Amino acid sequence: MEEQSLFASGKEVQVYYDPKTPSQSVLIKGIGLSWLGMALGLMALVIGLVVMFHMVRSRAARIK
Protein backbone atom coordinates (compact mmCIF):
# COMPACT_ATOMS: atom_id res chain seq x y z
CA MET A 1 0.00 0.00 0.00
CA GLU A 2 1.24 3.45 -0.76
CA GLU A 3 2.21 5.56 2.23
CA GLN A 4 0.61 8.68 0.75
CA SER A 5 -2.83 7.06 0.64
CA LEU A 6 -2.48 5.80 4.22
CA PHE A 7 -1.46 9.14 5.68
CA ALA A 8 -3.12 11.71 3.45
CA SER A 9 -3.42 15.22 4.82
CA GLY A 10 -6.61 15.68 6.81
CA LYS A 11 -7.26 11.95 7.12
CA GLU A 12 -7.68 10.48 10.61
CA VAL A 13 -5.14 7.83 11.57
CA GLN A 14 -4.78 5.52 14.53
CA VAL A 15 -1.65 6.11 16.61
CA TYR A 16 -0.18 3.33 18.72
CA TYR A 17 1.82 4.46 21.76
CA ASP A 18 3.35 3.19 24.96
CA PRO A 19 1.18 4.54 27.82
CA LYS A 20 4.24 4.69 30.11
CA THR A 21 6.21 6.77 27.58
CA PRO A 22 3.78 8.40 25.14
CA SER A 23 6.67 9.95 23.22
CA GLN A 24 7.32 6.44 21.86
CA SER A 25 4.60 6.03 19.26
CA VAL A 26 4.10 4.49 15.83
CA LEU A 27 1.52 4.69 13.07
CA ILE A 28 2.05 1.13 11.85
CA LYS A 29 2.46 -1.72 14.34
CA GLY A 30 5.11 -4.34 13.77
CA ILE A 31 8.68 -5.27 14.56
CA GLY A 32 10.18 -3.61 11.51
CA LEU A 33 13.61 -4.69 10.32
CA SER A 34 15.38 -4.50 13.67
CA TRP A 35 15.16 -8.29 13.98
CA LEU A 36 17.05 -8.65 10.70
CA GLY A 37 20.03 -6.67 11.99
CA MET A 38 20.09 -8.70 15.18
CA ALA A 39 19.88 -11.99 13.26
CA LEU A 40 22.70 -10.99 10.90
CA GLY A 41 24.87 -9.88 13.81
CA LEU A 42 24.26 -13.15 15.64
CA MET A 43 25.09 -15.15 12.50
CA ALA A 44 28.35 -13.21 12.05
CA LEU A 45 29.26 -13.85 15.69
CA VAL A 46 28.60 -17.59 15.40
CA ILE A 47 30.55 -17.86 12.13
CA GLY A 48 33.44 -15.92 13.66
CA LEU A 49 33.53 -18.18 16.70
CA VAL A 50 33.46 -21.32 14.54
CA VAL A 51 36.32 -20.03 12.37
CA MET A 52 38.35 -19.08 15.46
CA PHE A 53 37.74 -22.50 17.02
CA HIS A 54 38.93 -24.29 13.89
CA MET A 55 42.02 -22.06 13.58
CA VAL A 56 43.04 -22.72 17.20
CA ARG A 57 42.38 -26.44 16.79
CA SER A 58 44.45 -26.69 13.59
CA ARG A 59 47.38 -24.79 15.18
CA ALA A 60 47.26 -27.07 18.21
CA ALA A 61 47.35 -30.12 15.91
CA ARG A 62 50.43 -28.77 14.08
CA ILE A 63 52.30 -28.15 17.35
CA LYS A 64 51.90 -31.76 18.55
PDB file of N, CA and C in Angstrom:
ATOM      1  N   MET A   1       0.838  -1.178   0.000  1.00  0.00           N
ATOM      2  CA  MET A   1       0.000   0.000   0.000  1.00  0.00           C
ATOM      3  C   MET A   1       0.885   1.245   0.000  1.00  0.00           C
ATOM      4  N   GLU A   2       0.459   2.223  -0.704  1.00  0.00           N
ATOM      5  CA  GLU A   2       1.241   3.455  -0.757  1.00  0.00           C
ATOM      6  C   GLU A   2       1.090   4.258   0.519  1.00  0.00           C
ATOM      7  N   GLU A   3       2.218   4.799   0.990  1.00  0.00           N
ATOM      8  CA  GLU A   3       2.210   5.562   2.235  1.00  0.00           C
ATOM      9  C   GLU A   3       1.368   6.831   2.105  1.00  0.00           C
ATOM     10  N   GLN A   4       1.363   7.443   0.938  1.00  0.00           N
ATOM     11  CA  GLN A   4       0.610   8.682   0.755  1.00  0.00           C
ATOM     12  C   GLN A   4      -0.882   8.450   0.950  1.00  0.00           C
ATOM     13  N   SER A   5      -1.399   7.313   0.478  1.00  0.00           N
ATOM     14  CA  SER A   5      -2.828   7.059   0.636  1.00  0.00           C
ATOM     15  C   SER A   5      -3.179   6.723   2.082  1.00  0.00           C
ATOM     16  N   LEU A   6      -2.229   6.126   2.822  1.00  0.00           N
ATOM     17  CA  LEU A   6      -2.478   5.799   4.224  1.00  0.00           C
ATOM     18  C   LEU A   6      -2.497   7.033   5.116  1.00  0.00           C
ATOM     19  N   PHE A   7      -1.620   7.987   4.812  1.00  0.00           N
ATOM     20  CA  PHE A   7      -1.462   9.145   5.683  1.00  0.00           C
ATOM     21  C   PHE A   7      -1.706  10.443   4.928  1.00  0.00           C
ATOM     22  N   ALA A   8      -2.789  10.504   4.209  1.00  0.00           N
ATOM     23  CA  ALA A   8      -3.123  11.708   3.453  1.00  0.00           C
ATOM     24  C   ALA A   8      -3.461  12.844   4.416  1.00  0.00           C
ATOM     25  N   SER A   9      -3.159  14.041   3.995  1.00  0.00           N
ATOM     26  CA  SER A   9      -3.425  15.220   4.815  1.00  0.00           C
ATOM     27  C   SER A   9      -4.916  15.326   5.122  1.00  0.00           C
ATOM     28  N   GLY A  10      -5.231  15.527   6.386  1.00  0.00           N
ATOM     29  CA  GLY A  10      -6.612  15.681   6.813  1.00  0.00           C
ATOM     30  C   GLY A  10      -7.310  14.371   7.133  1.00  0.00           C
ATOM     31  N   LYS A  11      -6.675  13.265   6.859  1.00  0.00           N
ATOM     32  CA  LYS A  11      -7.265  11.954   7.121  1.00  0.00           C
ATOM     33  C   LYS A  11      -6.936  11.522   8.547  1.00  0.00           C
ATOM     34  N   GLU A  12      -7.926  10.955   9.253  1.00  0.00           N
ATOM     35  CA  GLU A  12      -7.684  10.475  10.613  1.00  0.00           C
ATOM     36  C   GLU A  12      -6.893   9.180  10.563  1.00  0.00           C
ATOM     37  N   VAL A  13      -5.934   9.052  11.485  1.00  0.00           N
ATOM     38  CA  VAL A  13      -5.136   7.830  11.574  1.00  0.00           C
ATOM     39  C   VAL A  13      -5.091   7.362  13.022  1.00  0.00           C
ATOM     40  N   GLN A  14      -4.914   6.069  13.189  1.00  0.00           N
ATOM     41  CA  GLN A  14      -4.783   5.523  14.533  1.00  0.00           C
ATOM     42  C   GLN A  14      -3.305   5.547  14.919  1.00  0.00           C
ATOM     43  N   VAL A  15      -3.031   6.033  16.112  1.00  0.00           N
ATOM     44  CA  VAL A  15      -1.655   6.114  16.609  1.00  0.00           C
ATOM     45  C   VAL A  15      -1.510   5.130  17.751  1.00  0.00           C
ATOM     46  N   TYR A  16      -0.481   4.298  17.671  1.00  0.00           N
ATOM     47  CA  TYR A  16      -0.181   3.325  18.724  1.00  0.00           C
ATOM     48  C   TYR A  16       0.965   3.889  19.565  1.00  0.00           C
ATOM     49  N   TYR A  17       0.789   3.883  20.897  1.00  0.00           N
ATOM     50  CA  TYR A  17       1.818   4.465  21.764  1.00  0.00           C
ATOM     51  C   TYR A  17       1.950   3.657  23.041  1.00  0.00           C
ATOM     52  N   ASP A  18       3.078   3.825  23.680  1.00  0.00           N
ATOM     53  CA  ASP A  18       3.346   3.194  24.964  1.00  0.00           C
ATOM     54  C   ASP A  18       2.782   4.119  26.039  1.00  0.00           C
ATOM     55  N   PRO A  19       1.787   3.665  26.799  1.00  0.00           N
ATOM     56  CA  PRO A  19       1.177   4.536  27.822  1.00  0.00           C
ATOM     57  C   PRO A  19       2.177   5.044  28.862  1.00  0.00           C
ATOM     58  N   LYS A  20       3.239   4.263  29.123  1.00  0.00           N
ATOM     59  CA  LYS A  20       4.236   4.690  30.105  1.00  0.00           C
ATOM     60  C   LYS A  20       5.138   5.784  29.553  1.00  0.00           C
ATOM     61  N   THR A  21       5.394   5.745  28.250  1.00  0.00           N
ATOM     62  CA  THR A  21       6.208   6.770  27.584  1.00  0.00           C
ATOM     63  C   THR A  21       5.523   7.145  26.264  1.00  0.00           C
ATOM     64  N   PRO A  22       4.552   8.043  26.332  1.00  0.00           N
ATOM     65  CA  PRO A  22       3.778   8.405  25.138  1.00  0.00           C
ATOM     66  C   PRO A  22       4.620   8.973  23.996  1.00  0.00           C
ATOM     67  N   SER A  23       5.828   9.427  24.293  1.00  0.00           N
ATOM     68  CA  SER A  23       6.673   9.950  23.217  1.00  0.00           C
ATOM     69  C   SER A  23       7.119   8.835  22.275  1.00  0.00           C
ATOM     70  N   GLN A  24       7.002   7.586  22.715  1.00  0.00           N
ATOM     71  CA  GLN A  24       7.317   6.438  21.856  1.00  0.00           C
ATOM     72  C   GLN A  24       6.020   5.974  21.204  1.00  0.00           C
ATOM     73  N   SER A  25       5.838   6.373  19.959  1.00  0.00           N
ATOM     74  CA  SER A  25       4.603   6.031  19.262  1.00  0.00           C
ATOM     75  C   SER A  25       4.902   5.653  17.816  1.00  0.00           C
ATOM     76  N   VAL A  26       3.976   4.909  17.215  1.00  0.00           N
ATOM     77  CA  VAL A  26       4.095   4.490  15.828  1.00  0.00           C
ATOM     78  C   VAL A  26       2.735   4.588  15.151  1.00  0.00           C
ATOM     79  N   LEU A  27       2.757   4.683  13.834  1.00  0.00           N
ATOM     80  CA  LEU A  27       1.517   4.690  13.071  1.00  0.00           C
ATOM     81  C   LEU A  27       1.203   3.300  12.518  1.00  0.00           C
ATOM     82  N   ILE A  28       2.240   2.493  12.337  1.00  0.00           N
ATOM     83  CA  ILE A  28       2.054   1.127  11.852  1.00  0.00           C
ATOM     84  C   ILE A  28       2.706   0.184  12.850  1.00  0.00           C
ATOM     85  N   LYS A  29       1.911  -0.766  13.375  1.00  0.00           N
ATOM     86  CA  LYS A  29       2.457  -1.723  14.342  1.00  0.00           C
ATOM     87  C   LYS A  29       3.280  -2.777  13.627  1.00  0.00           C
ATOM     88  N   GLY A  30       4.286  -3.270  14.315  1.00  0.00           N
ATOM     89  CA  GLY A  30       5.113  -4.342  13.775  1.00  0.00           C
ATOM     90  C   GLY A  30       6.512  -4.259  14.342  1.00  0.00           C
ATOM     91  N   ILE A  31       7.325  -5.257  14.024  1.00  0.00           N
ATOM     92  CA  ILE A  31       8.678  -5.274  14.559  1.00  0.00           C
ATOM     93  C   ILE A  31       9.672  -4.599  13.641  1.00  0.00           C
ATOM     94  N   GLY A  32       9.278  -4.281  12.428  1.00  0.00           N
ATOM     95  CA  GLY A  32      10.180  -3.606  11.507  1.00  0.00           C
ATOM     96  C   GLY A  32      11.326  -4.502  11.094  1.00  0.00           C
ATOM     97  N   LEU A  33      12.455  -3.921  10.766  1.00  0.00           N
ATOM     98  CA  LEU A  33      13.610  -4.694  10.323  1.00  0.00           C
ATOM     99  C   LEU A  33      14.677  -4.821  11.398  1.00  0.00           C
ATOM    100  N   SER A  34      14.380  -4.410  12.619  1.00  0.00           N
ATOM    101  CA  SER A  34      15.382  -4.500  13.673  1.00  0.00           C
ATOM    102  C   SER A  34      15.786  -5.950  13.933  1.00  0.00           C
ATOM    103  N   TRP A  35      14.858  -6.875  13.772  1.00  0.00           N
ATOM    104  CA  TRP A  35      15.164  -8.289  13.977  1.00  0.00           C
ATOM    105  C   TRP A  35      16.173  -8.786  12.946  1.00  0.00           C
ATOM    106  N   LEU A  36      16.135  -8.224  11.748  1.00  0.00           N
ATOM    107  CA  LEU A  36      17.054  -8.649  10.697  1.00  0.00           C
ATOM    108  C   LEU A  36      18.493  -8.283  11.065  1.00  0.00           C
ATOM    109  N   GLY A  37      18.699  -7.086  11.559  1.00  0.00           N
ATOM    110  CA  GLY A  37      20.033  -6.673  11.987  1.00  0.00           C
ATOM    111  C   GLY A  37      20.551  -7.536  13.118  1.00  0.00           C
ATOM    112  N   MET A  38      19.684  -7.850  14.059  1.00  0.00           N
ATOM    113  CA  MET A  38      20.089  -8.702  15.183  1.00  0.00           C
ATOM    114  C   MET A  38      20.424 -10.111  14.701  1.00  0.00           C
ATOM    115  N   ALA A  39      19.631 -10.644  13.781  1.00  0.00           N
ATOM    116  CA  ALA A  39      19.883 -11.990  13.262  1.00  0.00           C
ATOM    117  C   ALA A  39      21.198 -12.038  12.488  1.00  0.00           C
ATOM    118  N   LEU A  40      21.452 -11.029  11.657  1.00  0.00           N
ATOM    119  CA  LEU A  40      22.705 -10.990  10.896  1.00  0.00           C
ATOM    120  C   LEU A  40      23.914 -10.857  11.822  1.00  0.00           C
ATOM    121  N   GLY A  41      23.789 -10.041  12.844  1.00  0.00           N
ATOM    122  CA  GLY A  41      24.869  -9.883  13.815  1.00  0.00           C
ATOM    123  C   GLY A  41      25.147 -11.179  14.557  1.00  0.00           C
ATOM    124  N   LEU A  42      24.103 -11.874  14.948  1.00  0.00           N
ATOM    125  CA  LEU A  42      24.265 -13.152  15.644  1.00  0.00           C
ATOM    126  C   LEU A  42      24.910 -14.185  14.726  1.00  0.00           C
ATOM    127  N   MET A  43      24.489 -14.215  13.462  1.00  0.00           N
ATOM    128  CA  MET A  43      25.094 -15.148  12.504  1.00  0.00           C
ATOM    129  C   MET A  43      26.580 -14.856  12.321  1.00  0.00           C
ATOM    130  N   ALA A  44      26.939 -13.584  12.211  1.00  0.00           N
ATOM    131  CA  ALA A  44      28.345 -13.207  12.049  1.00  0.00           C
ATOM    132  C   ALA A  44      29.150 -13.621  13.278  1.00  0.00           C
ATOM    133  N   LEU A  45      28.593 -13.451  14.453  1.00  0.00           N
ATOM    134  CA  LEU A  45      29.265 -13.851  15.686  1.00  0.00           C
ATOM    135  C   LEU A  45      29.502 -15.360  15.713  1.00  0.00           C
ATOM    136  N   VAL A  46      28.481 -16.128  15.386  1.00  0.00           N
ATOM    137  CA  VAL A  46      28.601 -17.589  15.395  1.00  0.00           C
ATOM    138  C   VAL A  46      29.635 -18.042  14.366  1.00  0.00           C
ATOM    139  N   ILE A  47      29.581 -17.490  13.160  1.00  0.00           N
ATOM    140  CA  ILE A  47      30.550 -17.856  12.126  1.00  0.00           C
ATOM    141  C   ILE A  47      31.969 -17.500  12.570  1.00  0.00           C
ATOM    142  N   GLY A  48      32.137 -16.337  13.155  1.00  0.00           N
ATOM    143  CA  GLY A  48      33.443 -15.917  13.656  1.00  0.00           C
ATOM    144  C   GLY A  48      33.973 -16.852  14.725  1.00  0.00           C
ATOM    145  N   LEU A  49      33.116 -17.265  15.643  1.00  0.00           N
ATOM    146  CA  LEU A  49      33.534 -18.184  16.705  1.00  0.00           C
ATOM    147  C   LEU A  49      33.908 -19.549  16.139  1.00  0.00           C
ATOM    148  N   VAL A  50      33.143 -20.031  15.159  1.00  0.00           N
ATOM    149  CA  VAL A  50      33.459 -21.320  14.537  1.00  0.00           C
ATOM    150  C   VAL A  50      34.806 -21.258  13.818  1.00  0.00           C
ATOM    151  N   VAL A  51      35.046 -20.187  13.079  1.00  0.00           N
ATOM    152  CA  VAL A  51      36.323 -20.027  12.374  1.00  0.00           C
ATOM    153  C   VAL A  51      37.471 -19.960  13.374  1.00  0.00           C
ATOM    154  N   MET A  52      37.307 -19.184  14.444  1.00  0.00           N
ATOM    155  CA  MET A  52      38.351 -19.085  15.459  1.00  0.00           C
ATOM    156  C   MET A  52      38.639 -20.445  16.100  1.00  0.00           C
ATOM    157  N   PHE A  53      37.590 -21.180  16.412  1.00  0.00           N
ATOM    158  CA  PHE A  53      37.742 -22.502  17.024  1.00  0.00           C
ATOM    159  C   PHE A  53      38.539 -23.417  16.104  1.00  0.00           C
ATOM    160  N   HIS A  54      38.214 -23.422  14.826  1.00  0.00           N
ATOM    161  CA  HIS A  54      38.925 -24.288  13.885  1.00  0.00           C
ATOM    162  C   HIS A  54      40.379 -23.844  13.701  1.00  0.00           C
ATOM    163  N   MET A  55      40.639 -22.544  13.717  1.00  0.00           N
ATOM    164  CA  MET A  55      42.015 -22.058  13.581  1.00  0.00           C
ATOM    165  C   MET A  55      42.851 -22.493  14.782  1.00  0.00           C
ATOM    166  N   VAL A  56      42.330 -22.333  15.983  1.00  0.00           N
ATOM    167  CA  VAL A  56      43.043 -22.723  17.198  1.00  0.00           C
ATOM    168  C   VAL A  56      43.275 -24.227  17.201  1.00  0.00           C
ATOM    169  N   ARG A  57      42.280 -24.978  16.804  1.00  0.00           N
ATOM    170  CA  ARG A  57      42.383 -26.437  16.785  1.00  0.00           C
ATOM    171  C   ARG A  57      43.438 -26.913  15.773  1.00  0.00           C
ATOM    172  N   SER A  58      43.475 -26.273  14.598  1.00  0.00           N
ATOM    173  CA  SER A  58      44.450 -26.692  13.589  1.00  0.00           C
ATOM    174  C   SER A  58      45.868 -26.305  14.008  1.00  0.00           C
ATOM    175  N   ARG A  59      46.047 -25.174  14.680  1.00  0.00           N
ATOM    176  CA  ARG A  59      47.376 -24.791  15.185  1.00  0.00           C
ATOM    177  C   ARG A  59      47.842 -25.746  16.266  1.00  0.00           C
ATOM    178  N   ALA A  60      46.916 -26.142  17.129  1.00  0.00           N
ATOM    179  CA  ALA A  60      47.261 -27.074  18.210  1.00  0.00           C
ATOM    180  C   ALA A  60      47.661 -28.418  17.623  1.00  0.00           C
ATOM    181  N   ALA A  61      47.019 -28.831  16.550  1.00  0.00           N
ATOM    182  CA  ALA A  61      47.353 -30.118  15.914  1.00  0.00           C
ATOM    183  C   ALA A  61      48.728 -30.070  15.271  1.00  0.00           C
ATOM    184  N   ARG A  62      49.119 -28.911  14.717  1.00  0.00           N
ATOM    185  CA  ARG A  62      50.428 -28.770  14.081  1.00  0.00           C
ATOM    186  C   ARG A  62      51.555 -28.774  15.106  1.00  0.00           C
ATOM    187  N   ILE A  63      51.278 -28.250  16.298  1.00  0.00           N
ATOM    188  CA  ILE A  63      52.297 -28.151  17.350  1.00  0.00           C
ATOM    189  C   ILE A  63      52.636 -29.540  17.886  1.00  0.00           C
ATOM    190  N   LYS A  64      51.682 -30.430  17.981  1.00  0.00           N
ATOM    191  CA  LYS A  64      51.901 -31.765  18.549  1.00  0.00           C
ATOM    192  C   LYS A  64      52.795 -32.588  17.715  1.00  0.00           C
TER     193      LYS A  64
END
